[in-house]
């Protein structure tokens, strides 16, 4: 260890004697490392923010709907009573089989009017969404087909100006519905507008009985992840038993879509980081070039070292240590700049995408590993060239 420290001390002293040249050489490492860390850090933070926000929605359902491309889509039309048949077939797997409609209706309160999405909801809640006021819909609301509703925060602000909405009645498609809850805003304005803005939820039994008696658009099945494929197969088999073998149905696993989306973000982040890695290769070539120059300048010194007993390994290790110090110092400085840029970028994006987690430990590990690797790879050839110099020829230089 003391021997390595001695080599390190000599390497730092040698680089300090040519500090301007050393700094210019490190500049490539600084730029390359900073760009990679920034892209990698922001992409990972963005992925974590989106995953965390979508995770707050709890279990994602399997969606079953009639295939609109089949020759006679009417024969596969899902009816309200089909939901009960599917639910009976899925007993033991999940009790949560829910009909869903995709509708927009006029909703009024006094003189205020809007046209939000009105969704049919159930008493199943395993999400982490918080309430600004009141409560979520309960199974009792569903069983009794109660005229109650839960609204999102933007509708609460629009209809009630941020005041108490509980107990007030909204008129939805002509019917009166008592507000029992107001959801809090989803963290991140982009995701809030994407999945949680301007929505009114009422019990699906009430929706079918009093709002829209038409057949549902699709069926939502909330099943444990490991049983989702089985649940989808059983649901399709049940529907085909009711409507005939020619009826065709599509299934969509929203959890898989989310995972695919996260994978795309990770791939994009890795791709951009790889592009930034070109700068590290250029920086490595710069380190190799300057170390070759250093070998040429110090040929006489190498000859003296060999003359007093230094081995080839000693000479190679000395120059390799200088290359490594150049790379690690440049990479470490770039890592600091990249971390600052990542923290700033994550802070700005968190306003749109919600709470983000910056992987500090991973960033530091990646930065130092790449810097060390560049120093070793591009410093090996100059070090070997210095080690192989003939001591007599070197002394004559």
Protein backbone atom coordinates (compact mmCIF):
# COMPACT_ATOMS: atom_id res chain seq x y z
CA UNK A 1 0.00 0.00 0.00
CA UNK A 2 2.83 2.42 0.90
CA UNK A 3 4.38 1.71 -2.49
CA UNK A 4 1.17 2.62 -4.29
CA UNK A 5 0.85 5.79 -2.22
CA UNK A 6 4.40 6.71 -3.21
CA UNK A 7 3.52 6.26 -6.88
CA UNK A 8 0.36 8.32 -6.34
CA UNK A 9 2.39 11.12 -4.76
CA UNK A 10 4.83 11.12 -7.68
CA UNK A 11 1.96 11.10 -10.19
CA UNK A 12 0.29 14.11 -8.57
CA UNK A 13 3.62 15.98 -8.42
CA UNK A 14 4.31 15.25 -12.10
CA UNK A 15 0.85 16.41 -13.19
CA UNK A 16 1.14 19.53 -11.04
CA UNK A 17 4.40 20.51 -12.77
CA UNK A 18 2.40 20.64 -16.02
CA UNK A 19 -0.86 21.74 -14.48
CA UNK A 20 -2.21 23.74 -17.43
CA UNK A 21 -1.62 20.83 -19.80
CA UNK A 22 -3.12 18.44 -17.24
CA UNK A 23 -6.20 20.62 -16.83
CA UNK A 24 -6.78 20.84 -20.58
CA UNK A 25 -6.44 17.06 -20.80
CA UNK A 26 -8.93 16.58 -17.96
CA UNK A 27 -11.41 18.95 -19.62
CA UNK A 28 -12.57 16.22 -21.99
CA UNK A 29 -13.16 13.89 -19.05
CA UNK A 30 -15.04 16.62 -17.21
CA UNK A 31 -17.37 17.31 -20.15
CA UNK A 32 -17.94 13.66 -20.99
CA UNK A 33 -18.53 12.58 -17.39
CA UNK A 34 -20.86 15.53 -16.69
CA UNK A 35 -22.96 14.82 -19.79
CA UNK A 36 -23.32 11.12 -19.02
CA UNK A 37 -24.17 11.71 -15.37
CA UNK A 38 -26.74 14.37 -16.23
CA UNK A 39 -28.54 12.26 -18.84
CA UNK A 40 -28.33 9.05 -16.80
CA UNK A 41 -29.36 10.72 -13.53
CA UNK A 42 -32.32 12.65 -14.97
CA UNK A 43 -33.60 9.62 -16.90
CA UNK A 44 -33.49 7.42 -13.78
CA UNK A 45 -35.09 10.13 -11.65
CA UNK A 46 -37.83 10.66 -14.24
CA UNK A 47 -38.55 6.93 -14.41
CA UNK A 48 -38.78 6.72 -10.62
CA UNK A 49 -41.12 9.72 -10.48
CA UNK A 50 -43.50 8.35 -13.09
CA UNK A 51 -43.44 4.85 -11.59
CA UNK A 52 -44.09 6.24 -8.10
CA UNK A 53 -47.02 8.32 -9.28
CA UNK A 54 -48.62 5.51 -11.26
CA UNK A 55 -47.95 3.18 -8.33
CA UNK A 56 -50.18 5.39 -6.19
CA UNK A 57 -53.12 4.21 -8.31
CA UNK A 58 -52.80 0.74 -6.84
CA UNK A 59 -53.61 -2.42 -8.79
CA UNK A 60 -54.00 -1.89 -12.52
CA UNK A 61 -56.86 -3.86 -14.09
CA UNK A 62 -57.02 -6.25 -16.98
CA UNK A 63 -59.34 -4.68 -19.56
CA UNK A 64 -61.62 -6.99 -21.57
CA UNK A 65 -63.55 -5.62 -24.54
CA UNK A 66 -65.15 -6.80 -27.75
CA UNK A 67 -62.78 -6.88 -30.73
CA UNK A 68 -64.01 -4.03 -32.98
CA UNK A 69 -62.26 -5.53 -36.05
CA UNK A 70 -64.28 -8.76 -36.15
CA UNK A 71 -66.80 -9.29 -38.93
CA UNK A 72 -69.87 -9.01 -36.69
CA UNK A 73 -68.89 -7.02 -33.58
CA UNK A 74 -72.51 -6.86 -32.42
CA UNK A 75 -72.50 -10.57 -31.50
CA UNK A 76 -69.68 -9.95 -29.04
CA UNK A 77 -71.30 -6.92 -27.41
CA UNK A 78 -70.73 -7.06 -23.64
CA UNK A 79 -73.93 -6.61 -21.63
CA UNK A 80 -74.39 -5.57 -18.04
CA UNK A 81 -75.51 -9.03 -16.92
CA UNK A 82 -72.38 -10.53 -18.51
CA UNK A 83 -70.35 -8.92 -15.75
CA UNK A 84 -72.08 -11.05 -13.13
CA UNK A 85 -71.40 -14.20 -15.13
CA UNK A 86 -67.71 -13.32 -15.44
CA UNK A 87 -67.57 -12.50 -11.72
CA UNK A 88 -69.03 -15.91 -10.84
CA UNK A 89 -66.49 -17.62 -13.11
CA UNK A 90 -63.66 -15.75 -11.39
CA UNK A 91 -64.67 -16.62 -7.85
CA UNK A 92 -61.56 -17.71 -6.01
CA UNK A 93 -59.34 -15.51 -8.18
CA UNK A 94 -60.80 -12.06 -7.57
CA UNK A 95 -64.14 -10.58 -6.45
CA UNK A 96 -63.49 -7.33 -8.31
CA UNK A 97 -65.06 -7.48 -11.77
CA UNK A 98 -66.44 -4.10 -12.76
CA UNK A 99 -68.28 -2.78 -15.83
CA UNK A 100 -66.92 0.46 -17.23
CA UNK A 101 -68.33 3.15 -19.49
CA UNK A 102 -66.40 5.96 -21.14
CA UNK A 103 -68.81 8.91 -21.13
CA UNK A 104 -68.81 12.70 -20.90
CA UNK A 105 -71.87 14.41 -19.43
CA UNK A 106 -72.96 17.86 -18.45
CA UNK A 107 -72.33 18.48 -14.74
CA UNK A 108 -73.70 21.61 -13.09
CA UNK A 109 -73.69 23.28 -9.70
CA UNK A 110 -75.72 26.45 -9.56
CA UNK A 111 -74.66 28.55 -12.53
CA UNK A 112 -71.37 26.68 -13.02
CA UNK A 113 -71.35 24.15 -15.85
CA UNK A 114 -68.70 21.73 -17.11
CA UNK A 115 -68.43 18.57 -19.20
CA UNK A 116 -66.04 16.24 -17.33
CA UNK A 117 -65.56 12.49 -17.68
CA UNK A 118 -68.09 10.56 -15.61
CA UNK A 119 -66.80 7.12 -14.65
CA UNK A 120 -68.46 4.11 -13.07
CA UNK A 121 -66.51 3.12 -9.97
CA UNK A 122 -66.67 0.43 -7.31
CA UNK A 123 -65.82 0.09 -3.64
CA UNK A 124 -62.44 -1.49 -4.45
CA UNK A 125 -59.58 0.79 -3.38
CA UNK A 126 -55.98 -0.31 -2.91
CA UNK A 127 -54.50 2.90 -4.23
CA UNK A 128 -52.50 5.51 -2.39
CA UNK A 129 -54.51 8.48 -3.61
CA UNK A 130 -55.28 10.88 -0.80
CA UNK A 131 -58.49 12.79 -0.21
CA UNK A 132 -58.70 16.54 0.03
CA UNK A 133 -62.15 16.23 1.57
CA UNK A 134 -64.42 13.39 2.64
CA UNK A 135 -64.09 9.76 1.58
CA UNK A 136 -63.92 7.42 -1.39
CA UNK A 137 -66.89 5.43 -2.68
CA UNK A 138 -67.73 2.43 -0.51
CA UNK A 139 -69.11 -0.99 -1.33
CA UNK A 140 -72.29 0.04 0.48
CA UNK A 141 -72.69 2.88 -2.04
CA UNK A 142 -72.41 0.31 -4.84
CA UNK A 143 -74.75 -2.23 -3.28
CA UNK A 144 -77.45 0.38 -2.63
CA UNK A 145 -76.93 2.19 -5.96
CA UNK A 146 -76.61 5.42 -3.96
CA UNK A 147 -76.77 8.82 -5.64
CA UNK A 148 -73.34 9.90 -4.43
CA UNK A 149 -70.19 10.98 -6.22
CA UNK A 150 -66.52 11.72 -5.70
CA UNK A 151 -64.85 14.47 -7.75
CA UNK A 152 -61.28 15.48 -8.55
CA UNK A 153 -59.64 18.54 -7.01
CA UNK A 154 -59.92 20.73 -10.11
CA UNK A 155 -63.69 20.24 -10.23
CA UNK A 156 -63.86 20.97 -6.50
CA UNK A 157 -62.09 24.27 -7.13
CA UNK A 158 -64.28 25.04 -10.15
CA UNK A 159 -67.65 24.27 -8.56
CA UNK A 160 -66.97 25.22 -4.93
CA UNK A 161 -64.01 27.63 -5.24
CA UNK A 162 -61.90 25.58 -2.84
CA UNK A 163 -64.55 25.60 -0.12
CA UNK A 164 -66.34 22.68 1.53
CA UNK A 165 -67.94 20.49 -1.12
CA UNK A 166 -69.23 17.72 1.14
CA UNK A 167 -73.00 17.41 1.24
CA UNK A 168 -73.51 19.60 -1.83
CA UNK A 169 -75.44 18.22 -4.79
CA UNK A 170 -74.19 18.13 -8.35
CA UNK A 171 -76.57 17.64 -11.24
CA UNK A 172 -75.16 14.96 -13.55
CA UNK A 173 -77.02 14.27 -16.77
CA UNK A 174 -80.18 15.53 -15.10
CA UNK A 175 -79.87 13.57 -11.82
CA UNK A 176 -78.82 14.89 -8.38
CA UNK A 177 -75.75 13.39 -6.72
CA UNK A 178 -74.41 14.24 -3.29
CA UNK A 179 -70.66 14.90 -3.09
CA UNK A 180 -69.07 12.62 -0.49
CA UNK A 181 -65.42 13.17 -1.34
CA UNK A 182 -62.89 15.28 -3.23
CA UNK A 183 -59.59 13.76 -4.34
CA UNK A 184 -56.38 15.66 -3.64
CA UNK A 185 -54.27 16.69 -6.60
CA UNK A 186 -51.95 14.06 -7.98
CA UNK A 187 -48.34 15.17 -7.52
CA UNK A 188 -47.15 16.48 -10.86
CA UNK A 189 -49.26 18.66 -13.10
CA UNK A 190 -48.55 16.62 -16.24
CA UNK A 191 -49.73 13.33 -14.76
CA UNK A 192 -52.57 15.14 -13.01
CA UNK A 193 -53.86 16.38 -16.35
CA UNK A 194 -53.16 13.01 -17.99
CA UNK A 195 -54.95 10.64 -15.63
CA UNK A 196 -56.69 12.52 -12.86
CA UNK A 197 -58.17 15.76 -14.10
CA UNK A 198 -61.88 16.67 -14.41
CA UNK A 199 -63.41 13.37 -13.41
CA UNK A 200 -66.58 12.47 -11.50
CA UNK A 201 -66.88 8.94 -10.05
CA UNK A 202 -70.25 7.42 -9.18
CA UNK A 203 -71.17 3.81 -8.23
CA UNK A 204 -71.37 1.61 -11.32
CA UNK A 205 -74.76 0.28 -10.24
CA UNK A 206 -76.11 3.82 -10.11
CA UNK A 207 -74.47 4.62 -13.44
CA UNK A 208 -76.19 1.72 -15.19
CA UNK A 209 -79.57 2.24 -13.53
CA UNK A 210 -79.93 6.01 -13.69
CA UNK A 211 -77.29 7.51 -15.98
CA UNK A 212 -76.74 5.20 -18.95
CA UNK A 213 -78.49 1.81 -19.25
CA UNK A 214 -76.58 0.99 -22.45
CA UNK A 215 -74.10 -1.91 -22.49
CA UNK A 216 -70.72 -1.16 -20.89
CA UNK A 217 -67.75 -0.47 -23.10
CA UNK A 218 -65.52 -3.00 -21.37
CA UNK A 219 -64.98 -5.02 -18.21
CA UNK A 220 -62.26 -4.27 -15.67
CA UNK A 221 -60.78 -7.24 -13.76
CA UNK A 222 -58.64 -6.45 -10.71
CA UNK A 223 -56.63 -9.61 -10.07
CA UNK A 224 -53.24 -10.33 -8.48
CA UNK A 225 -50.47 -10.00 -11.05
CA UNK A 226 -49.60 -13.69 -11.09
CA UNK A 227 -53.22 -14.64 -11.91
CA UNK A 228 -53.96 -11.91 -14.48
CA UNK A 229 -53.38 -14.13 -17.52
CA UNK A 230 -55.58 -16.89 -16.08
CA UNK A 231 -58.32 -14.40 -15.19
CA UNK A 232 -58.29 -12.99 -18.72
CA UNK A 233 -58.61 -16.47 -20.28
CA UNK A 234 -61.50 -17.41 -17.98
CA UNK A 235 -63.28 -14.11 -18.73
CA UNK A 236 -62.99 -14.60 -22.49
CA UNK A 237 -64.14 -18.23 -22.25
CA UNK A 238 -67.17 -17.15 -20.20
CA UNK A 239 -68.11 -14.43 -22.67
CA UNK A 240 -67.77 -16.82 -25.62
CA UNK A 241 -69.95 -19.35 -23.84
CA UNK A 242 -72.62 -16.63 -23.57
CA UNK A 243 -72.26 -15.03 -27.01
CA UNK A 244 -70.98 -17.94 -29.05
CA UNK A 245 -67.55 -19.18 -30.18
CA UNK A 246 -67.44 -16.67 -33.04
CA UNK A 247 -67.37 -13.74 -30.61
CA UNK A 248 -63.87 -12.29 -30.33
CA UNK A 249 -62.48 -10.30 -27.42
CA UNK A 250 -59.37 -8.31 -26.69
CA UNK A 251 -57.54 -8.09 -23.37
CA UNK A 252 -55.16 -5.38 -22.28
CA UNK A 253 -52.98 -5.51 -19.20
CA UNK A 254 -52.44 -1.92 -18.10
CA UNK A 255 -49.71 -2.97 -15.65
CA UNK A 256 -47.71 -4.41 -18.55
CA UNK A 257 -48.18 -1.17 -20.47
CA UNK A 258 -46.74 0.76 -17.55
CA UNK A 259 -43.77 -1.59 -17.31
CA UNK A 260 -43.19 -1.28 -21.06
CA UNK A 261 -43.29 2.51 -20.72
CA UNK A 262 -40.69 2.38 -17.94
CA UNK A 263 -38.50 0.11 -20.06
CA UNK A 264 -38.69 2.56 -22.96
CA UNK A 265 -37.59 5.40 -20.66
CA UNK A 266 -34.69 3.30 -19.39
CA UNK A 267 -33.61 2.38 -22.93
CA UNK A 268 -33.79 6.01 -24.05
CA UNK A 269 -31.72 7.05 -21.03
CA UNK A 270 -29.10 4.38 -21.71
CA UNK A 271 -29.01 5.34 -25.40
CA UNK A 272 -28.46 9.02 -24.63
CA UNK A 273 -25.82 8.13 -22.04
CA UNK A 274 -24.06 5.97 -24.66
CA UNK A 275 -24.00 8.94 -27.02
CA UNK A 276 -22.46 11.00 -24.22
CA UNK A 277 -19.96 8.19 -23.75
CA UNK A 278 -18.41 9.17 -27.10
CA UNK A 279 -17.06 12.23 -25.29
CA UNK A 280 -15.38 9.91 -22.78
CA UNK A 281 -13.71 7.99 -25.59
CA UNK A 282 -12.43 11.26 -27.06
CA UNK A 283 -11.21 12.26 -23.58
CA UNK A 284 -9.47 8.88 -23.24
CA UNK A 285 -7.68 9.41 -26.54
CA UNK A 286 -6.59 12.81 -25.24
CA UNK A 287 -5.19 11.18 -22.11
CA UNK A 288 -3.33 8.58 -24.20
CA UNK A 289 -1.89 11.30 -26.41
CA UNK A 290 -0.64 13.41 -23.53
CA UNK A 291 0.84 10.39 -21.76
CA UNK A 292 2.75 9.46 -24.93
CA UNK A 293 4.10 12.98 -25.04
CA UNK A 294 5.06 12.64 -21.39
CA UNK A 295 6.89 9.39 -22.11
CA UNK A 296 8.87 11.11 -24.88
CA UNK A 297 9.72 14.09 -22.66
CA UNK A 298 10.83 11.91 -19.76
CA UNK A 299 12.81 9.30 -21.66
CA UNK A 300 16.06 10.29 -19.92
CA UNK A 301 14.31 10.08 -16.51
CA UNK A 302 13.06 6.58 -17.38
CA UNK A 303 16.62 5.58 -18.26
CA UNK A 304 17.94 6.81 -14.90
CA UNK A 305 15.18 4.95 -13.03
CA UNK A 306 16.01 1.71 -14.83
CA UNK A 307 19.73 2.27 -14.25
CA UNK A 308 19.22 2.44 -10.47
CA UNK A 309 17.14 -0.74 -10.42
CA UNK A 310 13.55 0.15 -11.37
CA UNK A 311 11.78 -2.76 -13.09
CA UNK A 312 9.52 -2.58 -16.10
CA UNK A 313 6.56 -3.05 -13.78
CA UNK A 314 7.64 -0.05 -11.69
CA UNK A 315 7.88 2.19 -14.75
CA UNK A 316 4.56 0.96 -16.16
CA UNK A 317 2.79 1.43 -12.83
CA UNK A 318 4.15 4.99 -12.50
CA UNK A 319 2.76 6.12 -15.84
CA UNK A 320 -0.45 4.14 -15.41
CA UNK A 321 -0.97 5.89 -12.07
CA UNK A 322 -0.61 9.29 -13.76
CA UNK A 323 -3.16 8.34 -16.39
CA UNK A 324 -5.54 7.07 -13.70
CA UNK A 325 -5.20 10.26 -11.66
CA UNK A 326 -5.97 12.37 -14.73
CA UNK A 327 -9.08 10.32 -15.53
CA UNK A 328 -10.40 10.10 -11.96
CA UNK A 329 -9.86 13.80 -11.22
CA UNK A 330 -11.58 14.76 -14.47
CA UNK A 331 -14.36 12.22 -13.97
CA UNK A 332 -14.87 13.27 -10.36
CA UNK A 333 -15.17 16.93 -11.31
CA UNK A 334 -17.59 16.05 -14.10
CA UNK A 335 -19.55 13.92 -11.65
CA UNK A 336 -19.99 16.92 -9.36
CA UNK A 337 -21.20 19.09 -12.25
CA UNK A 338 -23.49 16.29 -13.47
CA UNK A 339 -24.96 15.82 -9.99
CA UNK A 340 -25.76 19.53 -9.73
CA UNK A 341 -27.38 19.45 -13.17
CA UNK A 342 -29.33 16.29 -12.25
CA UNK A 343 -30.63 17.80 -9.01
CA UNK A 344 -31.65 20.99 -10.81
CA UNK A 345 -33.34 19.09 -13.65
CA UNK A 346 -35.15 16.75 -11.27
CA UNK A 347 -36.35 19.74 -9.23
CA UNK A 348 -37.87 21.34 -12.33
CA UNK A 349 -39.38 18.12 -13.68
CA UNK A 350 -40.86 17.16 -10.32
CA UNK A 351 -43.38 19.98 -10.75
CA UNK A 352 -44.70 18.16 -13.81
CA UNK A 353 -44.07 14.50 -12.99
CA UNK A 354 -44.25 14.31 -9.19
CA UNK A 355 -41.73 13.31 -6.54
CA UNK A 356 -38.47 12.00 -8.00
CA UNK A 357 -35.69 9.93 -6.48
CA UNK A 358 -32.15 10.83 -7.60
CA UNK A 359 -29.94 7.67 -7.39
CA UNK A 360 -26.90 9.35 -5.82
CA UNK A 361 -25.04 6.15 -4.93
CA UNK A 362 -25.54 4.67 -8.40
CA UNK A 363 -24.42 7.92 -10.05
CA UNK A 364 -21.22 8.08 -7.99
CA UNK A 365 -20.47 4.40 -8.65
CA UNK A 366 -21.03 4.77 -12.42
CA UNK A 367 -18.95 7.97 -12.63
CA UNK A 368 -15.95 6.63 -10.73
CA UNK A 369 -16.08 3.23 -12.46
CA UNK A 370 -16.14 4.75 -15.95
CA UNK A 371 -13.41 7.24 -15.08
CA UNK A 372 -11.14 4.54 -13.70
CA UNK A 373 -11.84 2.31 -16.71
CA UNK A 374 -10.97 5.09 -19.15
CA UNK A 375 -7.76 5.86 -17.25
CA UNK A 376 -6.65 2.22 -17.27
CA UNK A 377 -7.65 1.46 -20.88
CA UNK A 378 -6.09 4.53 -22.45
CA UNK A 379 -3.11 4.71 -20.10
CA UNK A 380 -1.97 1.12 -20.56
CA UNK A 381 -0.31 1.59 -23.97
CA UNK A 382 1.80 4.65 -22.95
CA UNK A 383 2.75 2.86 -19.71
CA UNK A 384 3.87 -0.28 -21.58
CA UNK A 385 5.77 1.81 -24.09
CA UNK A 386 7.63 3.55 -21.26
CA UNK A 387 8.36 0.21 -19.57
CA UNK A 388 9.81 -1.31 -22.74
CA UNK A 389 12.34 1.45 -23.40
CA UNK A 390 15.92 0.27 -23.52
CA UNK A 391 17.72 1.83 -20.53
CA UNK A 392 20.93 2.60 -22.49
CA UNK A 393 19.04 4.27 -25.35
CA UNK A 394 16.90 6.11 -22.82
CA UNK A 395 19.98 7.50 -21.03
CA UNK A 396 21.40 8.73 -24.34
CA UNK A 397 18.16 10.59 -25.16
